[in-house]
Amino acid sequence: MLNGFKDFILRGNVISMAIGLAVGAAFTAVVTGFSTAFITPLIGLATGSVGDFSTAEFSVEGAIFPYGKFLAAAIAFLITAAVLYFCVVVPMTKVQNRFASSKDQKVDIKAALRDCPRCYTEIPAIASRCAHCTSEVEPDPEALALAKLPAQR
């Protein structure tokens, strides 16, 4: 049982995930600090309350609701999400699209399916004979072109 746990922990993807979580936590702390130090006071000044509004609260029948903490956390979340999207997701998508050209991708010629006109079972679009009822069928010309196969007569 312990050997299985050791194998699980020492797998590369678990260690990569742990590193990603640690870096993500540090990144979140930096963005939260930036939001607390600069963004929250600027919003406080813009809305008329001087300085930090994260201490803002209201009370109803003795119950205190610190809504300023929620607003500060929401702002930090939005800044974190925006920075991650524009600085990580968008560039990585562009890099992946650049390296993944259509001529390098293999086409699965059996992935495109159609119905047999005789028995109505699914067959590959490039098939010239149904595997179920053995009827001769015309292959789909678009599927043949995608698979880079010559047209059959």
Protein backbone atom coordinates (compact mmCIF):
# COMPACT_ATOMS: atom_id res chain seq x y z
CA MET A 1 0.00 0.00 0.00
CA LEU A 2 2.81 2.43 0.80
CA ASN A 3 4.59 1.57 -2.45
CA GLY A 4 1.49 2.63 -4.40
CA PHE A 5 1.36 5.91 -2.47
CA LYS A 6 5.07 6.48 -3.11
CA ASP A 7 4.57 5.85 -6.85
CA PHE A 8 1.63 8.27 -6.86
CA ILE A 9 3.59 11.02 -5.11
CA LEU A 10 6.69 10.60 -7.25
CA ARG A 11 4.81 10.76 -10.55
CA GLY A 12 5.84 13.78 -12.56
CA ASN A 13 2.37 15.25 -12.93
CA VAL A 14 1.75 15.29 -9.15
CA ILE A 15 5.02 17.11 -8.52
CA SER A 16 4.29 19.55 -11.36
CA MET A 17 0.85 20.20 -9.89
CA ALA A 18 2.35 20.85 -6.45
CA ILE A 19 4.86 23.29 -7.91
CA GLY A 20 2.07 24.99 -9.85
CA LEU A 21 0.00 25.36 -6.71
CA ALA A 22 2.93 26.84 -4.78
CA VAL A 23 3.70 29.31 -7.58
CA GLY A 24 0.00 30.12 -7.88
CA ALA A 25 -0.26 30.83 -4.16
CA ALA A 26 2.79 33.09 -4.29
CA PHE A 27 1.40 34.86 -7.37
CA THR A 28 -1.95 35.35 -5.63
CA ALA A 29 -0.18 36.83 -2.60
CA VAL A 30 1.67 39.30 -4.85
CA VAL A 31 -1.50 40.33 -6.66
CA THR A 32 -3.43 40.61 -3.41
CA GLY A 33 -0.65 42.80 -1.98
CA PHE A 34 -0.71 44.99 -5.10
CA SER A 35 -4.48 45.24 -4.93
CA THR A 36 -4.42 46.09 -1.22
CA ALA A 37 -1.57 48.59 -1.52
CA PHE A 38 -2.56 50.41 -4.71
CA ILE A 39 -5.92 49.52 -6.26
CA THR A 40 -8.11 49.51 -3.14
CA PRO A 41 -6.91 52.94 -1.91
CA LEU A 42 -7.37 54.38 -5.41
CA ILE A 43 -10.93 53.10 -5.54
CA GLY A 44 -11.47 54.44 -2.04
CA LEU A 45 -10.26 57.88 -3.14
CA ALA A 46 -12.36 57.76 -6.31
CA THR A 47 -15.53 56.83 -4.43
CA GLY A 48 -15.10 59.55 -1.83
CA SER A 49 -13.99 57.51 1.13
CA VAL A 50 -10.46 58.50 1.99
CA GLY A 51 -7.91 55.72 1.84
CA ASP A 52 -8.62 52.03 2.27
CA PHE A 53 -12.26 50.93 2.02
CA SER A 54 -11.48 47.31 2.92
CA THR A 55 -12.39 48.12 6.54
CA ALA A 56 -15.85 49.35 5.52
CA GLU A 57 -18.69 47.62 7.30
CA PHE A 58 -22.32 48.01 8.26
CA SER A 59 -24.35 46.51 11.06
CA VAL A 60 -27.91 45.30 11.35
CA GLU A 61 -29.28 44.64 14.82
CA GLY A 62 -25.80 44.16 16.24
CA ALA A 63 -24.54 41.86 13.47
CA ILE A 64 -21.50 43.35 11.71
CA PHE A 65 -21.11 42.85 7.94
CA PRO A 66 -17.55 43.69 6.76
CA TYR A 67 -18.39 44.18 3.07
CA GLY A 68 -15.11 45.99 2.45
CA LYS A 69 -13.15 42.76 2.92
CA PHE A 70 -15.35 41.06 0.30
CA LEU A 71 -14.85 43.94 -2.15
CA ALA A 72 -11.08 43.83 -1.63
CA ALA A 73 -11.03 40.05 -2.20
CA ALA A 74 -13.23 40.39 -5.30
CA ILE A 75 -10.93 43.05 -6.74
CA ALA A 76 -7.86 40.90 -6.03
CA PHE A 77 -9.58 37.95 -7.73
CA LEU A 78 -10.47 39.96 -10.82
CA ILE A 79 -6.94 41.34 -11.11
CA THR A 80 -5.45 37.85 -10.65
CA ALA A 81 -7.78 36.37 -13.27
CA ALA A 82 -7.07 39.17 -15.75
CA VAL A 83 -3.30 38.95 -15.31
CA LEU A 84 -3.33 35.17 -15.65
CA TYR A 85 -5.53 35.33 -18.74
CA PHE A 86 -3.62 38.06 -20.57
CA CYS A 87 -0.11 37.08 -19.44
CA VAL A 88 -0.37 33.27 -19.46
CA VAL A 89 -3.39 31.93 -21.34
CA VAL A 90 -3.32 34.23 -24.38
CA PRO A 91 0.45 33.88 -25.02
CA MET A 92 0.36 30.10 -24.50
CA THR A 93 -2.54 29.79 -26.94
CA LYS A 94 -0.61 31.78 -29.54
CA VAL A 95 2.48 29.60 -29.02
CA GLN A 96 0.45 26.40 -29.29
CA ASN A 97 -1.27 27.61 -32.45
CA ARG A 98 2.07 28.54 -34.00
CA PHE A 99 3.59 25.13 -33.37
CA ALA A 100 0.47 23.14 -34.22
CA SER A 101 0.17 23.51 -37.96
CA SER A 102 -2.42 21.56 -39.89
CA LYS A 103 0.15 19.64 -41.93
CA ASP A 104 1.79 18.25 -38.79
CA GLN A 105 -1.46 16.94 -37.34
CA LYS A 106 -2.44 13.40 -38.19
CA VAL A 107 -5.96 12.90 -39.47
CA ASP A 108 -8.00 10.07 -38.07
CA ILE A 109 -9.64 8.80 -41.23
CA LYS A 110 -12.11 6.70 -39.26
CA ALA A 111 -13.32 9.59 -37.12
CA ALA A 112 -15.73 10.99 -39.73
CA LEU A 113 -18.79 8.75 -39.75
CA ARG A 114 -21.90 8.53 -41.88
CA ASP A 115 -24.87 6.20 -42.20
CA CYS A 116 -24.95 3.34 -44.66
CA PRO A 117 -27.73 4.07 -47.20
CA ARG A 118 -28.89 0.42 -47.07
CA CYS A 119 -28.78 -0.70 -43.41
CA TYR A 120 -28.42 2.74 -41.71
CA THR A 121 -25.55 1.72 -39.45
CA GLU A 122 -22.60 4.04 -38.92
CA ILE A 123 -19.64 3.46 -41.21
CA PRO A 124 -16.47 5.50 -41.83
CA ALA A 125 -17.02 8.28 -44.37
CA ILE A 126 -14.18 6.94 -46.54
CA ALA A 127 -15.59 3.41 -46.68
CA SER A 128 -16.50 1.96 -50.06
CA ARG A 129 -18.28 -1.05 -48.56
CA CYS A 130 -20.46 -1.34 -45.47
CA ALA A 131 -18.96 -3.63 -42.84
CA HIS A 132 -22.41 -4.65 -41.61
CA CYS A 133 -24.45 -5.41 -44.72
CA THR A 134 -21.53 -5.55 -47.23
CA SER A 135 -23.28 -3.17 -49.64
CA GLU A 136 -21.08 -1.12 -51.91
CA VAL A 137 -21.31 2.59 -51.06
CA GLU A 138 -19.76 5.72 -52.50
CA PRO A 139 -17.06 7.20 -50.24
CA ASP A 140 -17.57 10.78 -49.12
CA PRO A 141 -15.36 12.95 -51.38
CA GLU A 142 -14.68 15.49 -48.60
CA ALA A 143 -13.50 12.72 -46.25
CA LEU A 144 -11.27 11.31 -49.01
CA ALA A 145 -9.74 14.74 -49.59
CA LEU A 146 -9.20 15.26 -45.85
CA ALA A 147 -7.51 11.86 -45.59
CA LYS A 148 -5.49 12.69 -48.73
CA LEU A 149 -6.74 9.60 -50.52
CA PRO A 150 -7.49 9.50 -54.24
CA ALA A 151 -11.10 9.65 -55.38
CA GLN A 152 -12.53 6.22 -56.13
CA ARG A 153 -14.59 5.47 -59.20
